[in-house]
Amino acid sequence: QVQLVESGGGLVQAGGSLRLSCRASGRQFTTNAVAWYRQAPGKEREKVAEITHEGKKNYADSVLGRFTIGTDNARNSRWLQMNGLRPEDTGVYYCFAWITWGQGTQVTVSS
């Protein structure tokens, strides 16, 4: 049974950076396909970045130029580098792959 575990969230001031990690257990990341979502309080879960099966990287307009998604096959994980964080980036960030969700990691950006 595959499990995804996110880490790297925390509290950061506006303009700061965080790097989230999504580590898989029970299955090797043999495919590039992964997506990062976030859910702010009272809002719907939204996709912020993804890598497609073809290896193409896509970003939501709100994070384009600030967030970068990547792979770390040596650690069987995927990551999300977040720079220039804004208060509106606050939320729980989830990793999604193989029709499986991680438990999420909280990101809080103070103004």
C-alpha atoms as a PDB file:
ATOM      1  CA  GLN A   1       0.000   0.000   0.000  1.00  0.00           C
ATOM      2  CA  VAL A   2       1.487   3.306  -1.070  1.00  0.00           C
ATOM      3  CA  GLN A   3       1.699   6.185   1.383  1.00  0.00           C
ATOM      4  CA  LEU A   4       2.742   9.773   0.796  1.00  0.00           C
ATOM      5  CA  VAL A   5       4.158  11.849   3.628  1.00  0.00           C
ATOM      6  CA  GLU A   6       4.678  15.586   3.300  1.00  0.00           C
ATOM      7  CA  SER A   7       7.106  17.580   5.389  1.00  0.00           C
ATOM      8  CA  GLY A   8       8.756  20.977   5.417  1.00  0.00           C
ATOM      9  CA  GLY A   9       5.844  23.199   6.301  1.00  0.00           C
ATOM     10  CA  GLY A  10       6.005  25.847   8.981  1.00  0.00           C
ATOM     11  CA  LEU A  11       5.610  29.483   9.870  1.00  0.00           C
ATOM     12  CA  VAL A  12       7.484  32.009   7.761  1.00  0.00           C
ATOM     13  CA  GLN A  13       7.367  35.750   7.236  1.00  0.00           C
ATOM     14  CA  ALA A  14       6.193  37.221   3.953  1.00  0.00           C
ATOM     15  CA  GLY A  15       8.993  37.107   1.415  1.00  0.00           C
ATOM     16  CA  GLY A  16      10.504  34.016   2.959  1.00  0.00           C
ATOM     17  CA  SER A  17      11.000  30.544   1.551  1.00  0.00           C
ATOM     18  CA  LEU A  18      10.075  26.973   2.378  1.00  0.00           C
ATOM     19  CA  ARG A  19      10.811  23.672   0.700  1.00  0.00           C
ATOM     20  CA  LEU A  20       8.185  20.981   0.971  1.00  0.00           C
ATOM     21  CA  SER A  21       8.967  17.322   0.481  1.00  0.00           C
ATOM     22  CA  CYS A  22       6.680  14.440  -0.431  1.00  0.00           C
ATOM     23  CA  ARG A  23       8.183  11.071   0.368  1.00  0.00           C
ATOM     24  CA  ALA A  24       6.616   7.861  -0.906  1.00  0.00           C
ATOM     25  CA  SER A  25       6.626   4.527   0.872  1.00  0.00           C
ATOM     26  CA  GLY A  26       5.351   1.244  -0.486  1.00  0.00           C
ATOM     27  CA  ARG A  27       6.095   2.207  -4.074  1.00  0.00           C
ATOM     28  CA  GLN A  28       8.924   3.735  -6.049  1.00  0.00           C
ATOM     29  CA  PHE A  29       8.430   7.004  -7.869  1.00  0.00           C
ATOM     30  CA  THR A  30       9.037   5.510 -11.300  1.00  0.00           C
ATOM     31  CA  THR A  31       6.846   8.116 -12.880  1.00  0.00           C
ATOM     32  CA  ASN A  32       7.326  11.857 -12.843  1.00  0.00           C
ATOM     33  CA  ALA A  33       3.626  12.488 -12.359  1.00  0.00           C
ATOM     34  CA  VAL A  34       2.879  14.247  -9.122  1.00  0.00           C
ATOM     35  CA  ALA A  35       0.899  17.289  -8.079  1.00  0.00           C
ATOM     36  CA  TRP A  36       0.921  19.680  -5.169  1.00  0.00           C
ATOM     37  CA  TYR A  37      -2.358  21.110  -3.942  1.00  0.00           C
ATOM     38  CA  ARG A  38      -3.182  23.531  -1.188  1.00  0.00           C
ATOM     39  CA  GLN A  39      -6.277  24.301   0.788  1.00  0.00           C
ATOM     40  CA  ALA A  40      -6.752  27.590   2.587  1.00  0.00           C
ATOM     41  CA  PRO A  41      -9.272  27.888   5.435  1.00  0.00           C
ATOM     42  CA  GLY A  42     -12.789  28.070   4.056  1.00  0.00           C
ATOM     43  CA  LYS A  43     -11.647  27.536   0.473  1.00  0.00           C
ATOM     44  CA  GLU A  44     -11.597  24.676  -1.993  1.00  0.00           C
ATOM     45  CA  ARG A  45      -8.472  22.631  -2.525  1.00  0.00           C
ATOM     46  CA  GLU A  46      -6.551  23.959  -5.530  1.00  0.00           C
ATOM     47  CA  LYS A  47      -3.688  22.617  -7.573  1.00  0.00           C
ATOM     48  CA  VAL A  48      -0.595  24.800  -7.404  1.00  0.00           C
ATOM     49  CA  ALA A  49       1.961  22.754  -9.335  1.00  0.00           C
ATOM     50  CA  GLU A  50       2.308  19.479 -11.160  1.00  0.00           C
ATOM     51  CA  ILE A  51       4.650  17.350 -13.190  1.00  0.00           C
ATOM     52  CA  THR A  52       2.859  15.410 -15.904  1.00  0.00           C
ATOM     53  CA  HIS A  53       3.658  11.872 -17.037  1.00  0.00           C
ATOM     54  CA  GLU A  54       5.546  13.463 -19.931  1.00  0.00           C
ATOM     55  CA  GLY A  55       7.664  15.452 -17.475  1.00  0.00           C
ATOM     56  CA  LYS A  56       6.062  18.813 -18.218  1.00  0.00           C
ATOM     57  CA  LYS A  57       5.836  21.209 -15.278  1.00  0.00           C
ATOM     58  CA  ASN A  58       2.743  23.327 -14.861  1.00  0.00           C
ATOM     59  CA  TYR A  59       2.004  26.003 -12.284  1.00  0.00           C
ATOM     60  CA  ALA A  60      -1.013  27.938 -11.146  1.00  0.00           C
ATOM     61  CA  ASP A  61      -0.872  31.574 -12.210  1.00  0.00           C
ATOM     62  CA  SER A  62      -0.772  32.646  -8.554  1.00  0.00           C
ATOM     63  CA  VAL A  63       2.549  30.864  -7.925  1.00  0.00           C
ATOM     64  CA  LEU A  64       4.223  31.098 -11.334  1.00  0.00           C
ATOM     65  CA  GLY A  65       7.734  32.419 -11.007  1.00  0.00           C
ATOM     66  CA  ARG A  66       7.819  31.845  -7.244  1.00  0.00           C
ATOM     67  CA  PHE A  67       7.302  28.088  -6.822  1.00  0.00           C
ATOM     68  CA  THR A  68       9.315  25.283  -8.399  1.00  0.00           C
ATOM     69  CA  ILE A  69       8.403  21.603  -8.449  1.00  0.00           C
ATOM     70  CA  GLY A  70      11.047  18.923  -8.714  1.00  0.00           C
ATOM     71  CA  THR A  71      12.029  15.314  -8.238  1.00  0.00           C
ATOM     72  CA  ASP A  72      14.514  13.513  -5.999  1.00  0.00           C
ATOM     73  CA  ASN A  73      14.557   9.890  -7.069  1.00  0.00           C
ATOM     74  CA  ALA A  74      17.439   9.047  -4.728  1.00  0.00           C
ATOM     75  CA  ARG A  75      15.124   9.824  -1.807  1.00  0.00           C
ATOM     76  CA  ASN A  76      12.008   8.543  -3.578  1.00  0.00           C
ATOM     77  CA  SER A  77      10.452  11.936  -3.108  1.00  0.00           C
ATOM     78  CA  ARG A  78       9.130  15.006  -4.872  1.00  0.00           C
ATOM     79  CA  TRP A  79       9.584  18.554  -3.628  1.00  0.00           C
ATOM     80  CA  LEU A  80       8.100  22.013  -3.920  1.00  0.00           C
ATOM     81  CA  GLN A  81      10.393  24.997  -3.466  1.00  0.00           C
ATOM     82  CA  MET A  82       8.409  28.063  -2.480  1.00  0.00           C
ATOM     83  CA  ASN A  83      10.059  31.472  -2.636  1.00  0.00           C
ATOM     84  CA  GLY A  84       8.653  34.936  -2.179  1.00  0.00           C
ATOM     85  CA  LEU A  85       5.897  33.613   0.039  1.00  0.00           C
ATOM     86  CA  ARG A  86       2.815  35.734   0.604  1.00  0.00           C
ATOM     87  CA  PRO A  87       0.119  35.606   3.283  1.00  0.00           C
ATOM     88  CA  GLU A  88      -2.300  34.290   0.651  1.00  0.00           C
ATOM     89  CA  ASP A  89      -0.079  31.219   0.249  1.00  0.00           C
ATOM     90  CA  THR A  90      -1.151  30.117   3.715  1.00  0.00           C
ATOM     91  CA  GLY A  91      -2.857  26.749   3.809  1.00  0.00           C
ATOM     92  CA  VAL A  92      -2.388  23.025   4.088  1.00  0.00           C
ATOM     93  CA  TYR A  93      -0.285  21.663   1.251  1.00  0.00           C
ATOM     94  CA  TYR A  94      -0.918  18.177  -0.069  1.00  0.00           C
ATOM     95  CA  CYS A  95       1.004  15.885  -2.344  1.00  0.00           C
ATOM     96  CA  PHE A  96      -0.998  13.768  -4.813  1.00  0.00           C
ATOM     97  CA  ALA A  97       0.218  10.789  -6.832  1.00  0.00           C
ATOM     98  CA  TRP A  98      -1.175   7.362  -7.826  1.00  0.00           C
ATOM     99  CA  ILE A  99      -4.646   8.503  -6.795  1.00  0.00           C
ATOM    100  CA  THR A 100      -3.277   8.882  -3.284  1.00  0.00           C
ATOM    101  CA  TRP A 101      -3.187  11.932  -1.020  1.00  0.00           C
ATOM    102  CA  GLY A 102      -0.686  12.681   1.667  1.00  0.00           C
ATOM    103  CA  GLN A 103      -1.824  13.914   5.065  1.00  0.00           C
ATOM    104  CA  GLY A 104      -0.764  17.474   4.323  1.00  0.00           C
ATOM    105  CA  THR A 105       1.664  19.941   5.851  1.00  0.00           C
ATOM    106  CA  GLN A 106       0.687  23.354   7.196  1.00  0.00           C
ATOM    107  CA  VAL A 107       2.229  26.473   5.685  1.00  0.00           C
ATOM    108  CA  THR A 108       1.577  29.770   7.422  1.00  0.00           C
ATOM    109  CA  VAL A 109       2.882  33.043   6.028  1.00  0.00           C
ATOM    110  CA  SER A 110       2.715  36.057   8.306  1.00  0.00           C
ATOM    111  CA  SER A 111       2.541  39.614   6.994  1.00  0.00           C
END
